[in-house]
């Protein structure tokens, strides 16, 4: 599969309870976004800790400081919170009734096919309830879009760059496709929306008029040619198509190709190929589900504030928990606008990691049950 090289590693652990049911699956991903070559003011792998951040203040900052580096908010901080929660349960001698399944998944940033997608589709992970530790403490994630990553290639005929009339320029052909894809996005996809009652989208989206889950398209990379004096015979680009919940991969793929076929109908020299890199379909969890309502109460108990239910135009590994695993699920994490996720100078408040570990530990005890009066006095 494109985008995957070498062996893929996932971590799966089971913390067994007395009765083995119900089963709760808590997941976090162990890969990170790529490290940009420039623009960092700290070592992206240094783990530096400072008292303050020049990029803003976490609403949960009680003086614990900020830790810096690639992945600290997405998703290393969440992995640390999960470890702290389990360590606390173990040191306190908490005996659970149900089983706790923990996973550290590879490849979430490129689609999760070999990570949680593999673990759930192969039946390695099965659970009654799920938590995806990949988000923030600004809201409880219940809805997300799907996405398909395409590789589009156009083919031409090389010739001397000063005699381009005798060649076929693959970049020129791709440019025509991109004009059509941009029109398709701006005039078709932005009108394709799904309302999610009771679920808020991020304020940055609402400020530009996006209040519903909305289909999107992004041309992310483009490569072609060898030099200015040669007509390029090949051009390729990666296109990401954001899918609203309810859009099927098959229908979306056929529609995507029909846009390119529309270009070909006007240009007999256009030759192209479209390859699917990977797919994750979208989901919407009901805010009224008893599990979701119970989790919201636990989160409020820890944070002393009620978080809103939120949605995103992005996608996470929770897509697999809901769509393939059939689990009622929500996502939560650390970081916020100040964190610079996927950007240079990524950072996160250490106090947020502590708060998330408390939420995870309390959720595990409440959902999987313990009869120890030390934790639930009458």
Protein backbone atom coordinates (compact mmCIF):
# COMPACT_ATOMS: atom_id res chain seq x y z
CA UNK A 1 0.00 0.00 0.00
CA UNK A 2 1.31 3.44 -0.84
CA UNK A 3 2.73 5.43 2.04
CA UNK A 4 3.83 2.38 4.03
CA UNK A 5 7.45 1.23 4.10
CA UNK A 6 9.02 -1.37 6.38
CA UNK A 7 7.45 -3.20 9.33
CA UNK A 8 4.57 -1.55 11.19
CA UNK A 9 4.44 -1.79 15.00
CA UNK A 10 1.37 -1.56 17.21
CA UNK A 11 1.15 -2.04 20.98
CA UNK A 12 -1.83 -3.99 22.38
CA UNK A 13 -2.25 -4.72 26.11
CA UNK A 14 -5.13 -6.15 28.14
CA UNK A 15 -5.66 -5.33 31.83
CA UNK A 16 -7.91 -8.20 32.90
CA UNK A 17 -10.84 -7.75 35.25
CA UNK A 18 -12.56 -10.31 37.45
CA UNK A 19 -15.46 -10.97 35.09
CA UNK A 20 -13.99 -9.85 31.78
CA UNK A 21 -16.94 -7.63 30.88
CA UNK A 22 -17.75 -5.02 29.92
CA UNK A 23 -14.68 -4.19 27.85
CA UNK A 24 -13.29 -0.67 27.42
CA UNK A 25 -10.81 0.18 24.68
CA UNK A 26 -8.57 3.22 25.26
CA UNK A 27 -6.47 4.16 22.26
CA UNK A 28 -3.72 6.64 21.40
CA UNK A 29 -1.42 6.81 18.38
CA UNK A 30 2.33 6.52 18.64
CA UNK A 31 3.33 8.25 15.40
CA UNK A 32 3.67 12.01 14.95
CA UNK A 33 3.54 14.54 12.15
CA UNK A 34 6.79 15.11 10.28
CA UNK A 35 9.37 17.57 11.64
CA UNK A 36 9.80 20.68 9.50
CA UNK A 37 13.39 21.47 8.56
CA UNK A 38 13.30 25.07 9.74
CA UNK A 39 11.37 27.49 11.88
CA UNK A 40 11.85 25.82 15.27
CA UNK A 41 13.13 27.89 18.20
CA UNK A 42 13.62 24.72 20.30
CA UNK A 43 14.98 21.25 19.60
CA UNK A 44 11.94 19.36 18.23
CA UNK A 45 13.18 16.19 19.96
CA UNK A 46 14.59 17.88 23.06
CA UNK A 47 11.65 17.76 25.46
CA UNK A 48 12.50 21.18 26.86
CA UNK A 49 10.31 22.42 29.73
CA UNK A 50 9.57 26.11 30.31
CA UNK A 51 7.45 27.98 32.83
CA UNK A 52 5.43 29.84 30.17
CA UNK A 53 4.64 29.75 26.46
CA UNK A 54 4.78 32.81 24.19
CA UNK A 55 2.03 31.27 22.06
CA UNK A 56 -0.70 31.49 24.68
CA UNK A 57 -1.87 30.10 27.99
CA UNK A 58 -3.68 26.83 28.62
CA UNK A 59 -6.91 27.31 30.56
CA UNK A 60 -5.73 24.45 32.78
CA UNK A 61 -2.29 25.91 33.55
CA UNK A 62 -1.71 25.91 37.30
CA UNK A 63 2.03 26.52 37.11
CA UNK A 64 3.22 23.12 35.90
CA UNK A 65 4.91 24.59 32.85
CA UNK A 66 5.01 23.63 29.19
CA UNK A 67 6.86 20.83 27.43
CA UNK A 68 8.14 21.37 23.89
CA UNK A 69 8.79 19.15 20.88
CA UNK A 70 7.26 17.33 17.96
CA UNK A 71 4.25 15.32 19.01
CA UNK A 72 3.93 16.55 22.61
CA UNK A 73 0.30 17.50 21.98
CA UNK A 74 -0.37 15.03 19.16
CA UNK A 75 -0.10 12.38 20.44
CA UNK A 76 2.73 11.86 22.95
CA UNK A 77 1.01 13.82 25.73
CA UNK A 78 -2.03 11.56 25.41
CA UNK A 79 0.17 8.45 25.52
CA UNK A 80 1.80 9.74 28.70
CA UNK A 81 -1.61 10.43 30.29
CA UNK A 82 -2.67 6.87 29.49
CA UNK A 83 0.47 5.45 31.10
CA UNK A 84 0.05 7.64 34.21
CA UNK A 85 -3.59 6.56 34.57
CA UNK A 86 -2.75 2.86 34.37
CA UNK A 87 0.21 3.29 36.73
CA UNK A 88 -2.06 4.96 39.29
CA UNK A 89 -4.65 2.18 39.05
CA UNK A 90 -1.94 -0.42 39.53
CA UNK A 91 -0.24 1.31 42.47
CA UNK A 92 -3.57 1.79 44.24
CA UNK A 93 -4.45 -1.86 43.78
CA UNK A 94 -7.68 -1.15 41.91
CA UNK A 95 -9.44 -4.40 41.01
CA UNK A 96 -11.67 -4.09 37.95
CA UNK A 97 -14.68 -6.18 36.99
CA UNK A 98 -14.37 -5.63 33.23
CA UNK A 99 -11.37 -5.78 30.92
CA UNK A 100 -9.37 -2.76 29.82
CA UNK A 101 -7.73 -2.91 26.37
CA UNK A 102 -4.99 -0.40 25.63
CA UNK A 103 -3.55 0.24 22.18
CA UNK A 104 -0.73 2.38 20.87
CA UNK A 105 -1.31 2.60 17.12
CA UNK A 106 1.03 3.36 14.26
CA UNK A 107 0.30 5.46 11.17
CA UNK A 108 -2.65 7.55 12.38
CA UNK A 109 -1.18 10.60 10.68
CA UNK A 110 -1.30 8.87 7.27
CA UNK A 111 -4.64 7.13 7.67
CA UNK A 112 -4.24 4.40 10.28
CA UNK A 113 -4.78 1.50 7.86
CA UNK A 114 -1.90 -0.55 9.29
CA UNK A 115 -2.54 0.73 12.81
CA UNK A 116 -5.92 0.71 14.54
CA UNK A 117 -7.66 -0.06 11.26
CA UNK A 118 -5.76 -3.35 11.08
CA UNK A 119 -6.24 -4.19 14.77
CA UNK A 120 -10.01 -3.75 14.63
CA UNK A 121 -10.68 -5.17 11.16
CA UNK A 122 -8.66 -8.30 11.98
CA UNK A 123 -10.59 -8.79 15.24
CA UNK A 124 -7.51 -8.28 17.44
CA UNK A 125 -9.34 -5.51 19.32
CA UNK A 126 -13.01 -5.91 20.25
CA UNK A 127 -14.71 -3.82 22.92
CA UNK A 128 -18.05 -2.60 24.21
CA UNK A 129 -16.92 1.02 24.63
CA UNK A 130 -14.13 3.17 23.27
CA UNK A 131 -12.08 6.26 24.02
CA UNK A 132 -9.77 7.87 21.48
CA UNK A 133 -7.06 9.95 23.15
CA UNK A 134 -6.47 12.34 20.28
CA UNK A 135 -8.06 15.75 20.60
CA UNK A 136 -8.03 18.42 23.28
CA UNK A 137 -9.60 19.45 26.59
CA UNK A 138 -11.63 22.13 24.82
CA UNK A 139 -14.40 19.71 23.85
CA UNK A 140 -15.60 16.11 23.71
CA UNK A 141 -15.20 14.89 20.13
CA UNK A 142 -18.25 13.08 18.71
CA UNK A 143 -18.16 13.74 14.97
CA UNK A 144 -15.51 13.72 12.29
CA UNK A 145 -15.27 13.58 8.56
CA UNK A 146 -13.73 10.78 6.60
CA UNK A 147 -10.99 11.20 4.07
CA UNK A 148 -9.58 9.53 1.00
CA UNK A 149 -6.04 10.14 -0.19
CA UNK A 150 -5.61 9.90 -3.95
CA UNK A 151 -2.46 9.84 -6.05
CA UNK A 152 -3.19 11.35 -9.48
CA UNK A 153 -0.65 10.95 -12.32
CA UNK A 154 -0.68 12.54 -15.76
CA UNK A 155 1.49 11.37 -18.65
CA UNK A 156 2.97 13.27 -21.57
CA UNK A 157 5.76 13.00 -24.15
CA UNK A 158 9.22 14.44 -23.53
CA UNK A 159 10.83 16.76 -26.03
CA UNK A 160 13.23 19.69 -26.10
CA UNK A 161 11.87 22.54 -24.04
CA UNK A 162 12.38 25.02 -26.88
CA UNK A 163 10.25 22.85 -29.15
CA UNK A 164 7.34 22.10 -26.81
CA UNK A 165 4.92 21.96 -29.73
CA UNK A 166 6.37 18.52 -30.52
CA UNK A 167 5.91 17.17 -27.00
CA UNK A 168 3.01 16.66 -24.60
CA UNK A 169 3.43 18.50 -21.30
CA UNK A 170 2.26 16.39 -18.33
CA UNK A 171 2.33 19.40 -15.97
CA UNK A 172 0.08 21.33 -18.34
CA UNK A 173 -2.37 18.42 -18.32
CA UNK A 174 -2.31 18.31 -14.52
CA UNK A 175 -2.94 22.05 -14.42
CA UNK A 176 -6.18 21.53 -16.35
CA UNK A 177 -7.23 18.84 -13.89
CA UNK A 178 -6.48 21.14 -10.97
CA UNK A 179 -8.62 23.92 -12.41
CA UNK A 180 -11.50 21.44 -12.61
CA UNK A 181 -10.85 20.07 -9.09
CA UNK A 182 -10.79 23.57 -7.65
CA UNK A 183 -14.11 24.38 -9.32
CA UNK A 184 -15.54 21.08 -8.03
CA UNK A 185 -14.45 21.95 -4.48
CA UNK A 186 -15.53 25.56 -4.42
CA UNK A 187 -18.85 25.18 -6.23
CA UNK A 188 -19.98 21.65 -5.36
CA UNK A 189 -18.33 20.31 -2.22
CA UNK A 190 -18.65 23.45 -0.10
CA UNK A 191 -22.41 23.16 -0.58
CA UNK A 192 -22.42 19.51 0.52
CA UNK A 193 -22.99 19.68 4.26
CA UNK A 194 -24.37 17.65 7.15
CA UNK A 195 -25.85 19.23 10.23
CA UNK A 196 -24.82 17.76 13.59
CA UNK A 197 -27.32 19.01 16.21
CA UNK A 198 -25.79 19.45 19.65
CA UNK A 199 -22.23 19.28 18.30
CA UNK A 200 -20.10 22.39 17.76
CA UNK A 201 -17.41 22.88 15.15
CA UNK A 202 -14.24 24.83 16.07
CA UNK A 203 -14.62 28.61 16.34
CA UNK A 204 -12.15 29.18 13.48
CA UNK A 205 -14.53 27.36 11.13
CA UNK A 206 -17.62 29.09 12.44
CA UNK A 207 -15.92 32.45 11.90
CA UNK A 208 -15.65 31.71 8.16
CA UNK A 209 -19.25 30.49 7.92
CA UNK A 210 -18.75 26.72 8.28
CA UNK A 211 -21.21 25.55 10.93
CA UNK A 212 -21.88 22.05 9.56
CA UNK A 213 -19.66 19.17 8.53
CA UNK A 214 -18.69 20.14 4.98
CA UNK A 215 -17.03 18.18 2.18
CA UNK A 216 -13.56 19.42 1.32
CA UNK A 217 -10.69 18.86 -1.11
CA UNK A 218 -6.99 19.70 -0.85
CA UNK A 219 -4.24 19.38 -3.46
CA UNK A 220 -1.38 18.60 -1.10
CA UNK A 221 1.67 17.84 -3.23
CA UNK A 222 2.72 18.12 -6.88
CA UNK A 223 5.86 16.85 -8.59
CA UNK A 224 6.89 16.80 -12.25
CA UNK A 225 9.59 17.52 -14.75
CA UNK A 226 13.37 17.37 -14.63
CA UNK A 227 14.42 20.84 -15.86
CA UNK A 228 13.08 23.88 -17.66
CA UNK A 229 14.59 22.82 -20.99
CA UNK A 230 12.68 19.52 -21.17
CA UNK A 231 8.98 18.93 -21.72
CA UNK A 232 7.87 16.86 -18.70
CA UNK A 233 6.45 13.44 -19.50
CA UNK A 234 5.07 12.75 -16.02
CA UNK A 235 3.41 14.74 -13.24
CA UNK A 236 1.94 13.41 -10.01
CA UNK A 237 0.13 14.91 -7.08
CA UNK A 238 -1.58 13.82 -3.89
CA UNK A 239 -5.15 14.95 -3.36
CA UNK A 240 -7.07 14.60 -0.09
CA UNK A 241 -10.84 14.47 -0.33
CA UNK A 242 -12.67 15.16 2.95
CA UNK A 243 -15.91 13.14 3.16
CA UNK A 244 -18.92 14.06 5.28
CA UNK A 245 -20.47 11.19 7.28
CA UNK A 246 -22.81 9.27 5.00
CA UNK A 247 -20.71 9.68 1.87
CA UNK A 248 -19.53 6.26 0.72
CA UNK A 249 -16.08 5.67 -0.67
CA UNK A 250 -17.45 4.13 -3.86
CA UNK A 251 -19.74 7.05 -4.72
CA UNK A 252 -17.09 9.61 -3.81
CA UNK A 253 -14.41 7.88 -5.93
CA UNK A 254 -16.71 7.68 -8.95
CA UNK A 255 -17.56 11.36 -8.61
CA UNK A 256 -13.87 12.32 -8.28
CA UNK A 257 -12.96 10.42 -11.44
CA UNK A 258 -15.92 11.92 -13.30
CA UNK A 259 -14.43 15.38 -12.71
CA UNK A 260 -11.20 14.29 -14.41
CA UNK A 261 -13.12 12.57 -17.18
CA UNK A 262 -14.83 15.90 -17.81
CA UNK A 263 -11.41 17.39 -18.52
CA UNK A 264 -10.47 14.48 -20.77
CA UNK A 265 -13.62 15.06 -22.82
CA UNK A 266 -12.15 18.42 -23.85
CA UNK A 267 -8.55 17.25 -24.28
CA UNK A 268 -7.90 14.12 -26.31
CA UNK A 269 -4.20 14.09 -25.31
CA UNK A 270 -4.94 13.77 -21.58
CA UNK A 271 -3.72 10.46 -20.16
CA UNK A 272 -3.98 9.88 -16.42
CA UNK A 273 -4.13 7.33 -13.60
CA UNK A 274 -5.80 7.61 -10.19
CA UNK A 275 -4.65 5.42 -7.32
CA UNK A 276 -6.23 5.25 -3.86
CA UNK A 277 -3.68 5.53 -1.05
CA UNK A 278 -6.07 4.91 1.87
CA UNK A 279 -9.58 5.59 3.14
CA UNK A 280 -11.31 6.43 6.44
CA UNK A 281 -15.04 7.14 6.43
CA UNK A 282 -16.69 9.70 8.71
CA UNK A 283 -18.96 9.23 11.73
CA UNK A 284 -21.33 11.02 14.10
CA UNK A 285 -21.92 9.79 17.66
CA UNK A 286 -25.18 10.79 19.33
CA UNK A 287 -24.69 13.23 22.23
CA UNK A 288 -27.65 11.51 23.93
CA UNK A 289 -26.03 8.08 24.15
CA UNK A 290 -25.90 7.00 27.82
CA UNK A 291 -22.18 6.21 27.60
CA UNK A 292 -21.44 9.67 26.20
CA UNK A 293 -23.57 11.38 28.84
CA UNK A 294 -21.85 9.40 31.59
CA UNK A 295 -18.40 10.25 30.25
CA UNK A 296 -19.32 13.92 30.10
CA UNK A 297 -20.24 13.80 33.79
CA UNK A 298 -16.91 12.21 34.69
CA UNK A 299 -15.00 14.84 32.71
CA UNK A 300 -16.92 17.61 34.46
CA UNK A 301 -16.16 16.02 37.82
CA UNK A 302 -12.43 16.19 37.11
CA UNK A 303 -12.23 19.55 35.34
CA UNK A 304 -14.99 21.31 37.28
CA UNK A 305 -16.45 22.54 34.00
CA UNK A 306 -18.79 21.03 31.41
CA UNK A 307 -17.17 20.63 28.02
CA UNK A 308 -19.17 21.06 24.81
CA UNK A 309 -19.63 18.27 22.33
CA UNK A 310 -17.49 19.01 19.27
CA UNK A 311 -16.88 17.87 15.72
CA UNK A 312 -14.04 18.25 13.25
CA UNK A 313 -13.52 18.34 9.51
CA UNK A 314 -10.44 16.18 10.05
CA UNK A 315 -10.44 12.46 10.81
CA UNK A 316 -8.91 10.33 13.57
CA UNK A 317 -8.52 6.66 14.42
CA UNK A 318 -11.90 6.92 16.17
CA UNK A 319 -13.33 6.35 12.67
CA UNK A 320 -12.28 2.71 13.05
CA UNK A 321 -13.67 2.34 16.56
CA UNK A 322 -17.11 3.62 15.53
CA UNK A 323 -17.45 2.37 11.94
CA UNK A 324 -15.59 -0.94 12.07
CA UNK A 325 -15.65 -1.75 15.79
CA UNK A 326 -19.23 -0.65 16.46
CA UNK A 327 -18.19 1.02 19.74
CA UNK A 328 -19.88 4.04 21.27
CA UNK A 329 -16.88 6.31 21.56
CA UNK A 330 -15.60 9.85 22.10
CA UNK A 331 -12.26 11.55 21.76
CA UNK A 332 -10.36 13.78 24.14
CA UNK A 333 -6.78 14.91 24.42
CA UNK A 334 -4.39 17.69 25.35
CA UNK A 335 -3.39 20.95 23.73
CA UNK A 336 -5.26 23.76 22.06
CA UNK A 337 -4.72 26.78 19.82
CA UNK A 338 -1.54 27.64 21.74
CA UNK A 339 -0.01 24.20 21.10
CA UNK A 340 1.01 24.62 17.44
CA UNK A 341 -0.02 21.08 16.58
CA UNK A 342 1.69 19.89 13.37
CA UNK A 343 3.56 23.22 13.31
CA UNK A 344 6.95 24.41 14.49
CA UNK A 345 7.37 24.93 18.25
CA UNK A 346 4.71 22.39 19.23
CA UNK A 347 4.10 22.51 22.97
CA UNK A 348 1.57 21.50 25.62
CA UNK A 349 0.79 22.41 29.21
CA UNK A 350 1.95 19.68 31.58
CA UNK A 351 -1.09 20.31 33.77
CA UNK A 352 -3.31 19.23 30.88
CA UNK A 353 -1.56 15.87 30.73
CA UNK A 354 -2.21 15.47 34.47
CA UNK A 355 -5.90 16.34 34.06
CA UNK A 356 -6.33 13.90 31.19
CA UNK A 357 -4.72 11.10 33.21
CA UNK A 358 -7.24 11.73 36.00
CA UNK A 359 -10.13 11.55 33.53
CA UNK A 360 -8.88 8.29 32.04
CA UNK A 361 -8.34 6.67 35.44
CA UNK A 362 -11.77 7.69 36.74
CA UNK A 363 -13.51 6.61 33.53
CA UNK A 364 -11.86 3.19 33.73
CA UNK A 365 -12.96 2.69 37.34
CA UNK A 366 -16.50 3.89 36.75
CA UNK A 367 -17.08 2.04 33.49
CA UNK A 368 -15.36 -1.22 34.34
CA UNK A 369 -16.46 -1.26 37.96
CA UNK A 370 -14.73 -1.78 41.27
CA UNK A 371 -16.33 -2.78 44.55
CA UNK A 372 -13.51 -1.33 46.61
CA UNK A 373 -15.12 1.16 49.02
CA UNK A 374 -11.87 3.07 49.22
CA UNK A 375 -12.60 4.48 45.75
CA UNK A 376 -16.41 4.70 45.96
CA UNK A 377 -17.37 5.34 49.59
CA UNK A 378 -21.06 5.12 50.44
